[in-house]
Amino acid sequence: MQQATIQIVRPASPPVAAPQRWEVAQIEALFELPFNELLYQAQTVHRANFDPAEVQLSTLLSIKTGGCAENCTYCPQSSAYDTGVEATALMKVDAVLEAARAAQAAGATRFCMGAAWRSPKERDIEKVSALISAVKGLGLETCATLGMLGDGQAEALRDAGLDYYNHNIDTAPDKYADIVQTRQFEDRLDTLQRVRGAGVKVCCGGIVGMGESRTQRAALIAELANMEPYPESVPINHLVQVEGTPLHGTEVLDPFEFVRTIAAARITMPHTRVRLSAGRQALGEAVQALCFMAGANSIFYGDKLLVTGNPDVTADQALLQKLGMRAA
């Protein structure tokens, strides 16, 4: 079996471009490595660029839940599916600040706000800008995920104090139409270009376990790694199957394949924060530990990710203590 070779690159000031253009076949070759060899290569890259004992902690709050016009087949917030999620209005500043202060007290350094919109209106941008400014005033890094952005909206969010904008590409380009029909893959890239053009850092990743092939998982990583520059933050989600969504009942991804995906992300994007995101609750402590070995160095921290469960703060603190790890 042919083993993939990598070049260890010492860190420069982020963001930086990928050291090479990655072909899907090259990333597939990484996936094909013996498990221990893959983790060794990933850990070598990780140690060249980060303190392996540090984990960055982010908290994600749903500031406007449900009623989304998109039909993403994984999402319980879509109005197309009956999942029991009730649509809510945008949260007020005081309520968001209360949640942000609690996250900060628990050790989170980045506070992410998510709203279930296809794309925000100008009045929505004004309201979210007030939330961003308030959270930024606490000394936290700010992140938002609000859907597709139009002209000038990224700049408005930047001026309010936004540090990161999250906009996941979800899956491989050739799998995308199976997952979402109300937008196209290129729509995601257009918003990411607007974010970059405004000087806001990019948080962009995907979801695995949606019935995609290994080749498509490799293609997802290739798409991210070949962005110029690649995202400063790459959340890798393990599908959380919610009854009522079309992907409920999908064959569950082997956990070792999830760890391989984390390792491939680390090797191909040496300077990024690779984040364990949705689905951590189902992975268990041992698999999460393998993910840290594979180069994950950020987690979403708190009892919920938008509307799905997440390991609670106490459990996460206990796990990090067991592993001898600490908050970055």
Protein backbone atom coordinates (compact mmCIF):
# COMPACT_ATOMS: atom_id res chain seq x y z
CA MET A 1 0.00 0.00 0.00
CA GLN A 2 1.43 3.35 -1.03
CA GLN A 3 1.89 5.69 1.89
CA ALA A 4 1.22 9.41 1.59
CA THR A 5 4.12 11.72 2.26
CA ILE A 6 3.85 15.12 3.88
CA GLN A 7 6.04 18.12 4.42
CA ILE A 8 6.14 19.57 7.89
CA VAL A 9 5.79 23.34 7.68
CA ARG A 10 6.69 25.59 10.57
CA PRO A 11 3.99 28.13 11.41
CA ALA A 12 3.84 31.59 9.89
CA SER A 13 1.51 34.34 11.00
CA PRO A 14 -2.02 33.09 10.18
CA PRO A 15 -3.90 33.13 7.92
CA VAL A 16 -1.58 31.32 5.54
CA ALA A 17 -2.15 29.56 2.26
CA ALA A 18 -1.94 25.79 2.10
CA PRO A 19 1.65 24.59 1.48
CA GLN A 20 0.48 22.74 -1.61
CA ARG A 21 -2.65 22.11 -3.63
CA TRP A 22 -4.13 18.86 -2.41
CA GLU A 23 -5.61 16.41 -4.88
CA VAL A 24 -8.49 14.23 -3.69
CA ALA A 25 -6.40 11.14 -4.44
CA GLN A 26 -3.64 12.37 -2.14
CA ILE A 27 -6.09 12.79 0.73
CA GLU A 28 -7.61 9.38 -0.01
CA ALA A 29 -4.10 7.99 0.36
CA LEU A 30 -3.95 9.52 3.83
CA PHE A 31 -7.23 7.81 4.73
CA GLU A 32 -5.76 4.50 3.51
CA LEU A 33 -2.73 4.65 5.78
CA PRO A 34 -2.54 2.22 8.70
CA PHE A 35 -4.35 3.92 11.58
CA ASN A 36 -1.29 4.33 13.82
CA GLU A 37 0.79 5.72 10.94
CA LEU A 38 -1.91 8.25 10.08
CA LEU A 39 -2.15 9.41 13.68
CA TYR A 40 1.64 9.64 13.93
CA GLN A 41 1.81 11.87 10.87
CA ALA A 42 -1.09 14.02 12.09
CA GLN A 43 0.40 14.38 15.58
CA THR A 44 3.77 15.32 14.07
CA VAL A 45 2.15 18.13 12.07
CA HIS A 46 0.12 19.18 15.11
CA ARG A 47 3.17 19.43 17.37
CA ALA A 48 5.05 21.46 14.76
CA ASN A 49 2.36 24.14 14.88
CA PHE A 50 0.53 23.99 18.23
CA ASP A 51 0.97 23.09 21.87
CA PRO A 52 -0.52 19.56 21.88
CA ALA A 53 -1.89 20.02 25.40
CA GLU A 54 -4.01 23.06 24.55
CA VAL A 55 -7.64 23.08 23.42
CA GLN A 56 -9.50 26.22 22.39
CA LEU A 57 -13.01 26.41 23.88
CA SER A 58 -15.95 27.92 22.00
CA THR A 59 -19.60 28.15 22.98
CA LEU A 60 -22.42 28.24 20.43
CA LEU A 61 -25.77 29.86 21.21
CA SER A 62 -28.86 29.69 19.01
CA ILE A 63 -30.02 33.30 18.98
CA LYS A 64 -32.87 32.61 16.57
CA THR A 65 -34.13 29.04 16.37
CA GLY A 66 -36.20 27.16 13.78
CA GLY A 67 -38.33 28.19 10.84
CA CYS A 68 -35.48 28.15 8.32
CA ALA A 69 -36.52 28.15 4.65
CA GLU A 70 -33.63 25.89 3.62
CA ASN A 71 -34.23 22.14 3.32
CA CYS A 72 -30.89 20.80 4.59
CA THR A 73 -31.65 17.12 5.13
CA TYR A 74 -29.65 16.96 8.37
CA CYS A 75 -31.20 19.99 10.06
CA PRO A 76 -34.04 19.91 12.61
CA GLN A 77 -34.46 23.68 12.23
CA SER A 78 -35.73 23.45 8.64
CA SER A 79 -39.39 24.40 8.21
CA ALA A 80 -39.61 21.57 5.67
CA TYR A 81 -39.53 18.89 8.39
CA ASP A 82 -41.57 18.05 11.48
CA THR A 83 -38.96 17.67 14.22
CA GLY A 84 -40.67 19.34 17.14
CA VAL A 85 -38.42 22.41 16.96
CA GLU A 86 -40.47 25.56 17.44
CA ALA A 87 -39.50 28.75 15.64
CA THR A 88 -38.47 31.59 17.94
CA ALA A 89 -37.76 35.29 17.58
CA LEU A 90 -34.28 36.74 17.74
CA MET A 91 -32.99 36.89 21.31
CA LYS A 92 -32.59 40.22 23.07
CA VAL A 93 -29.24 41.69 24.05
CA ASP A 94 -29.62 41.06 27.79
CA ALA A 95 -30.38 37.36 27.30
CA VAL A 96 -27.44 36.89 24.95
CA LEU A 97 -25.11 38.71 27.32
CA GLU A 98 -26.22 36.47 30.18
CA ALA A 99 -25.34 33.38 28.13
CA ALA A 100 -22.03 34.90 27.01
CA ARG A 101 -21.00 35.76 30.57
CA ALA A 102 -21.80 32.19 31.67
CA ALA A 103 -19.73 30.77 28.79
CA GLN A 104 -16.84 33.07 29.65
CA ALA A 105 -16.99 32.09 33.32
CA ALA A 106 -16.82 28.43 32.27
CA GLY A 107 -13.65 29.06 30.27
CA ALA A 108 -14.84 29.71 26.73
CA THR A 109 -12.82 32.26 24.78
CA ARG A 110 -15.02 32.47 21.68
CA PHE A 111 -18.78 33.00 21.64
CA CYS A 112 -20.62 31.94 18.52
CA MET A 113 -24.16 33.08 17.68
CA GLY A 114 -26.28 31.11 15.23
CA ALA A 115 -29.54 32.19 13.61
CA ALA A 116 -31.71 29.92 11.47
CA TRP A 117 -32.02 32.10 8.39
CA ARG A 118 -31.50 31.34 4.72
CA SER A 119 -30.02 34.83 4.50
CA PRO A 120 -30.47 37.74 6.91
CA LYS A 121 -32.31 40.93 5.97
CA GLU A 122 -30.75 44.32 6.58
CA ARG A 123 -32.83 44.80 9.74
CA ASP A 124 -31.52 41.44 10.98
CA ILE A 125 -27.94 42.54 10.39
CA GLU A 126 -28.57 45.67 12.45
CA LYS A 127 -29.95 43.64 15.36
CA VAL A 128 -27.21 41.01 15.24
CA SER A 129 -24.59 43.77 15.04
CA ALA A 130 -25.84 45.05 18.40
CA LEU A 131 -25.43 41.54 19.85
CA ILE A 132 -21.92 41.23 18.44
CA SER A 133 -20.87 44.59 19.88
CA ALA A 134 -22.23 43.66 23.30
CA VAL A 135 -20.46 40.28 23.39
CA LYS A 136 -17.23 41.80 22.08
CA GLY A 137 -17.40 44.25 24.96
CA LEU A 138 -16.96 41.33 27.37
CA GLY A 139 -13.55 40.57 25.88
CA LEU A 140 -14.67 37.42 24.05
CA GLU A 141 -13.89 36.56 20.45
CA THR A 142 -17.08 36.73 18.42
CA CYS A 143 -18.41 34.43 15.74
CA ALA A 144 -21.72 34.34 13.89
CA THR A 145 -23.48 31.97 11.53
CA LEU A 146 -26.49 33.62 9.90
CA GLY A 147 -26.75 31.99 6.47
CA MET A 148 -25.80 33.48 3.13
CA LEU A 149 -24.61 37.09 3.18
CA GLY A 150 -25.33 39.81 0.64
CA ASP A 151 -23.25 42.77 -0.46
CA GLY A 152 -22.05 44.91 2.43
CA GLN A 153 -23.37 42.63 5.17
CA ALA A 154 -20.00 41.09 6.06
CA GLU A 155 -18.57 44.59 6.35
CA ALA A 156 -21.38 45.64 8.68
CA LEU A 157 -20.75 42.63 10.93
CA ARG A 158 -17.00 43.34 10.87
CA ASP A 159 -17.58 46.92 11.92
CA ALA A 160 -19.68 45.67 14.85
CA GLY A 161 -16.70 43.64 16.09
CA LEU A 162 -17.16 40.24 14.43
CA ASP A 163 -13.98 38.14 14.48
CA TYR A 164 -15.18 34.96 12.70
CA TYR A 165 -18.01 34.05 10.37
CA ASN A 166 -19.08 30.41 10.18
CA HIS A 167 -20.41 29.10 6.90
CA ASN A 168 -19.90 25.37 6.41
CA ILE A 169 -19.66 23.79 2.98
CA ASP A 170 -21.25 20.68 4.54
CA THR A 171 -19.95 17.98 2.19
CA ALA A 172 -18.16 17.24 -1.09
CA PRO A 173 -19.26 19.23 -4.14
CA ASP A 174 -20.63 16.13 -5.88
CA LYS A 175 -22.63 15.12 -2.79
CA TYR A 176 -24.06 18.55 -2.08
CA ALA A 177 -27.24 18.29 -4.17
CA ASP A 178 -28.19 15.13 -2.25
CA ILE A 179 -28.07 17.07 1.02
CA VAL A 180 -29.54 20.48 0.11
CA GLN A 181 -31.75 21.47 -2.81
CA THR A 182 -32.66 25.06 -1.86
CA ARG A 183 -29.16 26.41 -2.60
CA GLN A 184 -26.09 25.41 -4.56
CA PHE A 185 -22.55 24.65 -3.47
CA GLU A 186 -21.35 27.80 -5.22
CA ASP A 187 -23.66 29.87 -3.01
CA ARG A 188 -21.59 28.81 -0.02
CA LEU A 189 -18.38 29.82 -1.74
CA ASP A 190 -19.84 33.23 -2.66
CA THR A 191 -20.55 34.03 1.00
CA LEU A 192 -17.11 32.84 2.05
CA GLN A 193 -15.57 35.19 -0.51
CA ARG A 194 -17.60 38.08 0.91
CA VAL A 195 -16.39 37.23 4.41
CA ARG A 196 -12.76 37.11 3.30
CA GLY A 197 -13.17 40.32 1.34
CA ALA A 198 -14.38 42.07 4.48
CA GLY A 199 -11.33 40.94 6.44
CA VAL A 200 -13.32 38.64 8.75
CA LYS A 201 -11.77 35.30 9.67
CA VAL A 202 -13.40 32.19 8.24
CA CYS A 203 -14.84 29.27 10.20
CA CYS A 204 -15.77 26.60 7.68
CA GLY A 205 -16.07 22.83 7.87
CA GLY A 206 -18.51 20.07 7.18
CA ILE A 207 -20.52 17.10 8.37
CA VAL A 208 -19.53 13.46 7.98
CA GLY A 209 -21.76 10.44 8.34
CA MET A 210 -24.40 11.63 5.85
CA GLY A 211 -24.06 8.58 3.61
CA GLU A 212 -21.06 9.96 1.75
CA SER A 213 -18.24 7.75 0.47
CA ARG A 214 -14.65 7.92 1.71
CA THR A 215 -13.75 9.60 -1.57
CA GLN A 216 -16.34 12.27 -0.83
CA ARG A 217 -14.95 12.75 2.68
CA ALA A 218 -11.53 13.24 1.09
CA ALA A 219 -13.07 15.69 -1.39
CA LEU A 220 -14.60 17.70 1.48
CA ILE A 221 -11.17 18.02 3.11
CA ALA A 222 -9.58 18.89 -0.25
CA GLU A 223 -12.12 21.66 -0.84
CA LEU A 224 -11.31 23.19 2.53
CA ALA A 225 -7.54 22.74 2.31
CA ASN A 226 -7.36 24.30 -1.15
CA MET A 227 -9.11 27.52 -0.15
CA GLU A 228 -6.71 30.45 -0.41
CA PRO A 229 -6.12 30.81 2.45
CA TYR A 230 -7.73 27.82 4.11
CA PRO A 231 -10.10 28.56 7.04
CA GLU A 232 -8.64 29.63 10.37
CA SER A 233 -11.20 27.35 12.05
CA VAL A 234 -12.47 24.03 10.66
CA PRO A 235 -15.38 22.41 12.54
CA ILE A 236 -15.82 18.71 11.75
CA ASN A 237 -19.31 17.53 12.67
CA HIS A 238 -20.43 13.94 13.19
CA LEU A 239 -24.03 13.74 11.97
CA VAL A 240 -26.54 13.95 14.79
CA GLN A 241 -29.56 12.07 13.50
CA VAL A 242 -32.80 13.79 14.43
CA GLU A 243 -36.13 12.05 13.98
CA GLY A 244 -38.17 13.80 11.33
CA THR A 245 -35.21 14.75 9.14
CA PRO A 246 -34.54 12.78 5.93
CA LEU A 247 -31.13 11.62 7.18
CA HIS A 248 -32.62 9.98 10.27
CA GLY A 249 -31.84 6.28 9.97
CA THR A 250 -28.65 6.74 7.92
CA GLU A 251 -26.00 4.10 8.62
CA VAL A 252 -23.79 5.44 11.41
CA LEU A 253 -20.23 6.28 10.43
CA ASP A 254 -17.52 4.10 11.97
CA PRO A 255 -15.83 6.18 14.70
CA PHE A 256 -12.35 5.36 13.41
CA GLU A 257 -13.35 6.87 10.08
CA PHE A 258 -14.28 10.04 11.92
CA VAL A 259 -10.84 10.10 13.58
CA ARG A 260 -9.24 9.61 10.15
CA THR A 261 -11.16 12.64 8.90
CA ILE A 262 -9.80 14.73 11.77
CA ALA A 263 -6.26 13.54 10.99
CA ALA A 264 -6.63 14.38 7.30
CA ALA A 265 -7.83 17.86 8.19
CA ARG A 266 -4.84 18.40 10.49
CA ILE A 267 -2.26 17.21 7.95
CA THR A 268 -3.67 19.26 5.08
CA MET A 269 -4.34 22.41 7.13
CA PRO A 270 -1.44 22.60 9.60
CA HIS A 271 -2.21 26.03 11.06
CA THR A 272 -5.98 25.81 11.47
CA ARG A 273 -7.98 25.10 14.59
CA VAL A 274 -9.65 21.74 13.91
CA ARG A 275 -12.80 21.69 16.02
CA LEU A 276 -14.78 18.73 17.34
CA SER A 277 -18.33 19.96 16.87
CA ALA A 278 -21.76 18.32 16.66
CA GLY A 279 -21.91 14.63 17.51
CA ARG A 280 -19.27 14.58 20.24
CA GLN A 281 -21.84 13.27 22.70
CA ALA A 282 -22.17 10.02 20.77
CA LEU A 283 -18.43 9.52 20.29
CA GLY A 284 -17.55 8.95 23.93
CA GLU A 285 -14.38 9.87 25.77
CA ALA A 286 -12.03 7.34 24.13
CA VAL A 287 -12.83 8.43 20.57
CA GLN A 288 -12.58 12.09 21.53
CA ALA A 289 -9.13 11.37 22.98
CA LEU A 290 -8.12 9.80 19.67
CA CYS A 291 -9.39 12.90 17.89
CA PHE A 292 -7.13 15.08 20.05
CA MET A 293 -4.26 12.74 19.18
CA ALA A 294 -5.20 13.18 15.52
CA GLY A 295 -4.87 16.95 15.78
CA ALA A 296 -8.21 18.33 16.98
CA ASN A 297 -7.50 21.33 19.19
CA SER A 298 -10.83 23.09 19.60
CA ILE A 299 -14.24 22.04 20.86
CA PHE A 300 -17.71 23.48 21.16
CA TYR A 301 -18.27 23.75 24.87
CA GLY A 302 -21.67 23.81 26.56
CA ASP A 303 -24.84 21.77 26.89
CA LYS A 304 -26.23 22.43 23.39
CA LEU A 305 -25.14 23.05 19.82
CA LEU A 306 -28.02 25.12 18.50
CA VAL A 307 -30.75 22.55 19.24
CA THR A 308 -28.85 19.24 19.57
CA GLY A 309 -27.18 17.83 22.67
CA ASN A 310 -23.52 18.31 23.55
CA PRO A 311 -21.37 17.07 26.45
CA ASP A 312 -21.89 19.43 29.35
CA VAL A 313 -19.20 21.69 30.76
CA THR A 314 -18.44 19.51 33.79
CA ALA A 315 -17.96 16.41 31.63
CA ASP A 316 -15.65 18.28 29.26
CA GLN A 317 -13.59 19.68 32.12
CA ALA A 318 -13.25 16.19 33.59
CA LEU A 319 -12.16 14.73 30.23
CA LEU A 320 -9.53 17.40 29.65
CA GLN A 321 -8.21 16.85 33.17
CA LYS A 322 -7.96 13.09 32.56
CA LEU A 323 -5.99 13.73 29.39
CA GLY A 324 -3.72 16.33 30.98
CA MET A 325 -5.02 18.99 28.59
CA ARG A 326 -5.96 22.59 29.26
CA ALA A 327 -7.85 25.47 27.73
CA ALA A 328 -5.83 27.51 25.26
